[in-house]
Amino acid sequence: MTTNAHDDAPRGKRSRNLRLVLMAVAAPALLAGCDDDPSGKILTSREECSVQTEISREECEKAYSQALVEHEKLAPRFQSEQECNQQFGACTPLNGAAAGAQPTYIPPMTGFLLGYAASQLMSGGNRYYHIGGVSPLYRDYRSGGYRKPDGREISTYSGTVYGKKAGDTALPARAVTVSRAGFGSSAAARGGFGRSSSSSSRGFGG
């Protein structure tokens, strides 16, 4: 039995249309990513740069230095040393306070977040990540969580974090001043970021 071009044409057209439909369905999924994909990593010290394998040690140490700079600018400001120590411990007076002014206290930087960029490369069978941003972190004694300078808790564990929000390294425009209720509570931050500072007592993280 012979076939002609007219018999093959519908079949070929249906095949092309099916491929286009499958591509259209797959594209948004690839672009959106997955909550199971690594989006960043929490390191607790510069020394950990030598044992992590996602980026080079040099890049990691550079990110740590950048986090220290952001810490000096954006660490939460406590009016009470006692309240600062109760939440974070080892708080110190902020440098550069005017003579005679009430001292302001900041917690130590007890970690830093490396946010991964979207692009990833394979090298020698290992996945290599690009740094998309960096943020200083503060370990909260009350919850055990690591908080960003805006008060949002990222994770209660160091190591790899998953999901777009966890790897978000966006930083506030200015430091949060903590007046009451503790850092991470929207009622505590005067001029807090992302929420009203007047009513809710829930943390920035939810």
C-alpha atoms as a PDB file:
ATOM      1  CA  MET A   1       0.000   0.000   0.000  1.00  0.00           C
ATOM      2  CA  THR A   2       1.362   3.382  -0.902  1.00  0.00           C
ATOM      3  CA  THR A   3       0.860   6.680   0.824  1.00  0.00           C
ATOM      4  CA  ASN A   4       1.134  10.114  -0.602  1.00  0.00           C
ATOM      5  CA  ALA A   5       2.151  13.472   0.829  1.00  0.00           C
ATOM      6  CA  HIS A   6      -1.488  14.310   1.553  1.00  0.00           C
ATOM      7  CA  ASP A   7      -1.776  11.342   3.960  1.00  0.00           C
ATOM      8  CA  ASP A   8       1.410  12.272   5.867  1.00  0.00           C
ATOM      9  CA  ALA A   9       0.640  15.980   6.188  1.00  0.00           C
ATOM     10  CA  PRO A  10      -2.057  15.772   8.915  1.00  0.00           C
ATOM     11  CA  ARG A  11       0.072  13.304  10.876  1.00  0.00           C
ATOM     12  CA  GLY A  12       3.123  15.594  10.713  1.00  0.00           C
ATOM     13  CA  LYS A  13       1.073  18.644  11.613  1.00  0.00           C
ATOM     14  CA  ARG A  14      -0.392  16.886  14.676  1.00  0.00           C
ATOM     15  CA  SER A  15       3.105  15.845  15.784  1.00  0.00           C
ATOM     16  CA  ARG A  16       4.420  19.407  15.498  1.00  0.00           C
ATOM     17  CA  ASN A  17       1.420  20.776  17.381  1.00  0.00           C
ATOM     18  CA  LEU A  18       1.919  18.218  20.166  1.00  0.00           C
ATOM     19  CA  ARG A  19       5.571  19.207  20.551  1.00  0.00           C
ATOM     20  CA  LEU A  20       4.616  22.871  20.749  1.00  0.00           C
ATOM     21  CA  VAL A  21       2.010  22.150  23.438  1.00  0.00           C
ATOM     22  CA  LEU A  22       4.485  20.121  25.511  1.00  0.00           C
ATOM     23  CA  MET A  23       7.089  22.879  25.235  1.00  0.00           C
ATOM     24  CA  ALA A  24       4.551  25.495  26.303  1.00  0.00           C
ATOM     25  CA  VAL A  25       3.621  23.432  29.374  1.00  0.00           C
ATOM     26  CA  ALA A  26       7.216  22.726  30.361  1.00  0.00           C
ATOM     27  CA  ALA A  27       8.575  26.267  29.945  1.00  0.00           C
ATOM     28  CA  PRO A  28       6.753  27.890  32.918  1.00  0.00           C
ATOM     29  CA  ALA A  29       7.809  25.026  35.177  1.00  0.00           C
ATOM     30  CA  LEU A  30      11.449  25.472  34.206  1.00  0.00           C
ATOM     31  CA  LEU A  31      11.302  29.221  34.695  1.00  0.00           C
ATOM     32  CA  ALA A  32       9.465  29.051  38.002  1.00  0.00           C
ATOM     33  CA  GLY A  33      11.898  26.573  39.576  1.00  0.00           C
ATOM     34  CA  CYS A  34      11.000  24.332  42.464  1.00  0.00           C
ATOM     35  CA  ASP A  35      10.767  24.820  46.224  1.00  0.00           C
ATOM     36  CA  ASP A  36      12.996  21.760  46.540  1.00  0.00           C
ATOM     37  CA  ASP A  37      15.820  23.499  44.668  1.00  0.00           C
ATOM     38  CA  PRO A  38      18.671  24.957  46.769  1.00  0.00           C
ATOM     39  CA  SER A  39      18.303  28.732  46.909  1.00  0.00           C
ATOM     40  CA  GLY A  40      21.103  29.637  49.316  1.00  0.00           C
ATOM     41  CA  LYS A  41      23.301  28.570  52.179  1.00  0.00           C
ATOM     42  CA  ILE A  42      23.749  29.728  55.768  1.00  0.00           C
ATOM     43  CA  LEU A  43      27.323  29.707  57.037  1.00  0.00           C
ATOM     44  CA  THR A  44      28.160  30.512  60.646  1.00  0.00           C
ATOM     45  CA  SER A  45      31.752  31.693  60.215  1.00  0.00           C
ATOM     46  CA  ARG A  46      34.433  32.587  57.704  1.00  0.00           C
ATOM     47  CA  GLU A  47      36.155  29.277  58.483  1.00  0.00           C
ATOM     48  CA  GLU A  48      33.248  27.377  56.938  1.00  0.00           C
ATOM     49  CA  CYS A  49      34.223  28.827  53.562  1.00  0.00           C
ATOM     50  CA  SER A  50      36.993  26.240  53.400  1.00  0.00           C
ATOM     51  CA  VAL A  51      34.644  23.265  53.743  1.00  0.00           C
ATOM     52  CA  GLN A  52      31.655  24.288  51.611  1.00  0.00           C
ATOM     53  CA  THR A  53      31.856  23.187  47.960  1.00  0.00           C
ATOM     54  CA  GLU A  54      29.149  25.163  46.164  1.00  0.00           C
ATOM     55  CA  ILE A  55      31.359  28.173  45.383  1.00  0.00           C
ATOM     56  CA  SER A  56      35.080  28.893  45.510  1.00  0.00           C
ATOM     57  CA  ARG A  57      36.675  29.702  48.859  1.00  0.00           C
ATOM     58  CA  GLU A  58      37.749  33.116  47.538  1.00  0.00           C
ATOM     59  CA  GLU A  59      34.194  34.018  46.527  1.00  0.00           C
ATOM     60  CA  CYS A  60      32.880  32.817  49.872  1.00  0.00           C
ATOM     61  CA  GLU A  61      35.383  34.858  51.891  1.00  0.00           C
ATOM     62  CA  LYS A  62      34.613  37.917  49.785  1.00  0.00           C
ATOM     63  CA  ALA A  63      30.910  37.409  50.534  1.00  0.00           C
ATOM     64  CA  TYR A  64      31.706  37.114  54.249  1.00  0.00           C
ATOM     65  CA  SER A  65      33.551  40.456  54.144  1.00  0.00           C
ATOM     66  CA  GLN A  66      30.581  42.028  52.369  1.00  0.00           C
ATOM     67  CA  ALA A  67      28.234  40.657  55.030  1.00  0.00           C
ATOM     68  CA  LEU A  68      30.372  42.291  57.728  1.00  0.00           C
ATOM     69  CA  VAL A  69      30.055  45.648  55.963  1.00  0.00           C
ATOM     70  CA  GLU A  70      26.276  45.268  55.787  1.00  0.00           C
ATOM     71  CA  HIS A  71      26.228  44.201  59.442  1.00  0.00           C
ATOM     72  CA  GLU A  72      27.887  47.473  60.491  1.00  0.00           C
ATOM     73  CA  LYS A  73      25.242  49.420  58.578  1.00  0.00           C
ATOM     74  CA  LEU A  74      22.099  47.349  59.169  1.00  0.00           C
ATOM     75  CA  ALA A  75      22.406  45.403  62.435  1.00  0.00           C
ATOM     76  CA  PRO A  76      19.244  45.936  64.538  1.00  0.00           C
ATOM     77  CA  ARG A  77      19.567  48.771  67.088  1.00  0.00           C
ATOM     78  CA  PHE A  78      18.476  48.053  70.650  1.00  0.00           C
ATOM     79  CA  GLN A  79      17.898  50.817  73.175  1.00  0.00           C
ATOM     80  CA  SER A  80      18.342  48.323  76.016  1.00  0.00           C
ATOM     81  CA  GLU A  81      21.503  46.235  76.410  1.00  0.00           C
ATOM     82  CA  GLN A  82      19.597  43.760  78.567  1.00  0.00           C
ATOM     83  CA  GLU A  83      16.893  43.168  75.944  1.00  0.00           C
ATOM     84  CA  CYS A  84      19.508  42.767  73.242  1.00  0.00           C
ATOM     85  CA  ASN A  85      21.433  40.213  75.294  1.00  0.00           C
ATOM     86  CA  GLN A  86      18.282  38.315  76.206  1.00  0.00           C
ATOM     87  CA  GLN A  87      17.542  37.737  72.549  1.00  0.00           C
ATOM     88  CA  PHE A  88      21.001  37.486  70.997  1.00  0.00           C
ATOM     89  CA  GLY A  89      23.733  37.616  73.656  1.00  0.00           C
ATOM     90  CA  ALA A  90      27.136  39.337  73.496  1.00  0.00           C
ATOM     91  CA  CYS A  91      25.621  42.641  72.337  1.00  0.00           C
ATOM     92  CA  THR A  92      27.963  45.620  72.073  1.00  0.00           C
ATOM     93  CA  PRO A  93      27.498  49.398  71.978  1.00  0.00           C
ATOM     94  CA  LEU A  94      27.218  50.846  68.501  1.00  0.00           C
ATOM     95  CA  ASN A  95      30.327  52.803  67.522  1.00  0.00           C
ATOM     96  CA  GLY A  96      30.064  56.436  66.569  1.00  0.00           C
ATOM     97  CA  ALA A  97      27.376  57.494  69.065  1.00  0.00           C
ATOM     98  CA  ALA A  98      27.365  61.197  69.871  1.00  0.00           C
ATOM     99  CA  ALA A  99      28.839  62.218  73.219  1.00  0.00           C
ATOM    100  CA  GLY A 100      26.194  62.210  75.931  1.00  0.00           C
ATOM    101  CA  ALA A 101      23.692  60.352  73.749  1.00  0.00           C
ATOM    102  CA  GLN A 102      21.926  57.235  74.988  1.00  0.00           C
ATOM    103  CA  PRO A 103      23.974  54.217  73.844  1.00  0.00           C
ATOM    104  CA  THR A 104      22.533  51.870  71.261  1.00  0.00           C
ATOM    105  CA  TYR A 105      23.372  48.172  71.244  1.00  0.00           C
ATOM    106  CA  ILE A 106      23.704  45.731  68.372  1.00  0.00           C
ATOM    107  CA  PRO A 107      23.893  41.913  68.368  1.00  0.00           C
ATOM    108  CA  PRO A 108      26.894  40.053  66.943  1.00  0.00           C
ATOM    109  CA  MET A 109      26.742  38.737  63.410  1.00  0.00           C
ATOM    110  CA  THR A 110      26.477  34.989  64.020  1.00  0.00           C
ATOM    111  CA  GLY A 111      26.101  33.879  60.418  1.00  0.00           C
ATOM    112  CA  PHE A 112      25.685  35.018  56.854  1.00  0.00           C
ATOM    113  CA  LEU A 113      23.402  33.982  54.020  1.00  0.00           C
ATOM    114  CA  LEU A 114      24.701  33.272  50.540  1.00  0.00           C
ATOM    115  CA  GLY A 115      21.868  33.646  48.054  1.00  0.00           C
ATOM    116  CA  TYR A 116      22.347  31.652  44.877  1.00  0.00           C
ATOM    117  CA  ALA A 117      21.765  33.207  41.478  1.00  0.00           C
ATOM    118  CA  ALA A 118      19.408  31.432  39.087  1.00  0.00           C
ATOM    119  CA  SER A 119      22.154  30.170  36.775  1.00  0.00           C
ATOM    120  CA  GLN A 120      24.076  27.033  37.717  1.00  0.00           C
ATOM    121  CA  LEU A 121      26.976  25.252  36.002  1.00  0.00           C
ATOM    122  CA  MET A 122      28.236  21.692  36.043  1.00  0.00           C
ATOM    123  CA  SER A 123      31.972  21.253  36.605  1.00  0.00           C
ATOM    124  CA  GLY A 124      33.594  17.836  37.009  1.00  0.00           C
ATOM    125  CA  GLY A 125      30.236  16.275  37.810  1.00  0.00           C
ATOM    126  CA  ASN A 126      29.546  18.820  40.573  1.00  0.00           C
ATOM    127  CA  ARG A 127      27.031  21.629  40.444  1.00  0.00           C
ATOM    128  CA  TYR A 128      28.574  25.070  40.784  1.00  0.00           C
ATOM    129  CA  TYR A 129      26.524  27.986  42.076  1.00  0.00           C
ATOM    130  CA  HIS A 130      26.797  31.702  41.440  1.00  0.00           C
ATOM    131  CA  ILE A 131      26.253  34.104  44.337  1.00  0.00           C
ATOM    132  CA  GLY A 132      23.232  36.319  43.793  1.00  0.00           C
ATOM    133  CA  GLY A 133      23.596  38.269  47.041  1.00  0.00           C
ATOM    134  CA  VAL A 134      24.665  38.108  50.675  1.00  0.00           C
ATOM    135  CA  SER A 135      23.091  39.082  53.997  1.00  0.00           C
ATOM    136  CA  PRO A 136      24.325  39.144  57.610  1.00  0.00           C
ATOM    137  CA  LEU A 137      22.363  36.922  60.003  1.00  0.00           C
ATOM    138  CA  TYR A 138      21.628  36.976  63.743  1.00  0.00           C
ATOM    139  CA  ARG A 139      20.934  33.863  65.837  1.00  0.00           C
ATOM    140  CA  ASP A 140      17.858  34.357  67.992  1.00  0.00           C
ATOM    141  CA  TYR A 141      18.149  32.599  71.379  1.00  0.00           C
ATOM    142  CA  ARG A 142      14.366  32.467  71.730  1.00  0.00           C
ATOM    143  CA  SER A 143      13.603  30.497  68.579  1.00  0.00           C
ATOM    144  CA  GLY A 144      17.038  29.244  67.602  1.00  0.00           C
ATOM    145  CA  GLY A 145      16.458  30.797  64.170  1.00  0.00           C
ATOM    146  CA  TYR A 146      18.709  32.889  61.972  1.00  0.00           C
ATOM    147  CA  ARG A 147      17.246  36.331  61.292  1.00  0.00           C
ATOM    148  CA  LYS A 148      18.027  38.824  58.553  1.00  0.00           C
ATOM    149  CA  PRO A 149      18.511  42.551  59.310  1.00  0.00           C
ATOM    150  CA  ASP A 150      14.814  43.152  58.555  1.00  0.00           C
ATOM    151  CA  GLY A 151      13.809  40.689  61.295  1.00  0.00           C
ATOM    152  CA  ARG A 152      12.666  37.864  59.039  1.00  0.00           C
ATOM    153  CA  GLU A 153      13.669  34.398  60.183  1.00  0.00           C
ATOM    154  CA  ILE A 154      15.297  32.350  57.427  1.00  0.00           C
ATOM    155  CA  SER A 155      15.918  28.982  59.065  1.00  0.00           C
ATOM    156  CA  THR A 156      16.574  27.336  62.417  1.00  0.00           C
ATOM    157  CA  TYR A 157      19.519  25.426  60.954  1.00  0.00           C
ATOM    158  CA  SER A 158      22.720  26.370  59.201  1.00  0.00           C
ATOM    159  CA  GLY A 159      23.514  24.826  55.820  1.00  0.00           C
ATOM    160  CA  THR A 160      21.554  24.770  52.574  1.00  0.00           C
ATOM    161  CA  VAL A 161      18.187  26.533  52.427  1.00  0.00           C
ATOM    162  CA  TYR A 162      15.410  25.842  49.933  1.00  0.00           C
ATOM    163  CA  GLY A 163      12.730  27.949  48.311  1.00  0.00           C
ATOM    164  CA  LYS A 164      12.956  31.412  46.808  1.00  0.00           C
ATOM    165  CA  LYS A 165      12.076  33.263  50.024  1.00  0.00           C
ATOM    166  CA  ALA A 166      14.729  31.449  52.056  1.00  0.00           C
ATOM    167  CA  GLY A 167      17.475  32.473  49.646  1.00  0.00           C
ATOM    168  CA  ASP A 168      16.293  36.073  49.349  1.00  0.00           C
ATOM    169  CA  THR A 169      19.166  38.386  50.308  1.00  0.00           C
ATOM    170  CA  ALA A 170      17.340  41.693  49.750  1.00  0.00           C
ATOM    171  CA  LEU A 171      18.337  44.147  52.488  1.00  0.00           C
ATOM    172  CA  PRO A 172      16.358  46.960  54.136  1.00  0.00           C
ATOM    173  CA  ALA A 173      17.137  50.571  53.308  1.00  0.00           C
ATOM    174  CA  ARG A 174      18.131  51.334  56.901  1.00  0.00           C
ATOM    175  CA  ALA A 175      18.633  49.623  60.245  1.00  0.00           C
ATOM    176  CA  VAL A 176      15.623  48.680  62.378  1.00  0.00           C
ATOM    177  CA  THR A 177      15.436  50.301  65.812  1.00  0.00           C
ATOM    178  CA  VAL A 178      14.028  47.863  68.370  1.00  0.00           C
ATOM    179  CA  SER A 179      12.001  49.578  71.056  1.00  0.00           C
ATOM    180  CA  ARG A 180       9.959  46.754  72.622  1.00  0.00           C
ATOM    181  CA  ALA A 181       8.768  43.154  72.237  1.00  0.00           C
ATOM    182  CA  GLY A 182      12.035  42.001  70.714  1.00  0.00           C
ATOM    183  CA  PHE A 183      13.541  41.993  67.249  1.00  0.00           C
ATOM    184  CA  GLY A 184      11.446  40.138  64.691  1.00  0.00           C
ATOM    185  CA  SER A 185       8.153  41.469  66.023  1.00  0.00           C
ATOM    186  CA  SER A 186       6.504  44.136  63.915  1.00  0.00           C
ATOM    187  CA  ALA A 187       5.477  45.912  67.104  1.00  0.00           C
ATOM    188  CA  ALA A 188       9.129  46.041  68.107  1.00  0.00           C
ATOM    189  CA  ALA A 189      10.583  47.774  65.099  1.00  0.00           C
ATOM    190  CA  ARG A 190       9.987  51.485  64.774  1.00  0.00           C
ATOM    191  CA  GLY A 191       9.683  52.069  61.066  1.00  0.00           C
ATOM    192  CA  GLY A 192       9.879  48.319  60.427  1.00  0.00           C
ATOM    193  CA  PHE A 193      10.073  46.982  56.892  1.00  0.00           C
ATOM    194  CA  GLY A 194       7.320  45.098  55.141  1.00  0.00           C
ATOM    195  CA  ARG A 195       4.700  45.528  57.884  1.00  0.00           C
ATOM    196  CA  SER A 196       2.991  48.119  60.003  1.00  0.00           C
ATOM    197  CA  SER A 197       4.881  48.848  63.230  1.00  0.00           C
ATOM    198  CA  SER A 198       1.806  49.650  65.272  1.00  0.00           C
ATOM    199  CA  SER A 199      -0.481  46.644  65.671  1.00  0.00           C
ATOM    200  CA  SER A 200       0.650  43.098  65.007  1.00  0.00           C
ATOM    201  CA  SER A 201       2.900  41.264  67.449  1.00  0.00           C
ATOM    202  CA  ARG A 202       3.758  38.480  65.010  1.00  0.00           C
ATOM    203  CA  GLY A 203       7.295  38.127  63.688  1.00  0.00           C
ATOM    204  CA  PHE A 204       8.405  39.251  60.267  1.00  0.00           C
ATOM    205  CA  GLY A 205       8.673  35.646  59.262  1.00  0.00           C
ATOM    206  CA  GLY A 206       4.981  34.904  59.726  1.00  0.00           C
END
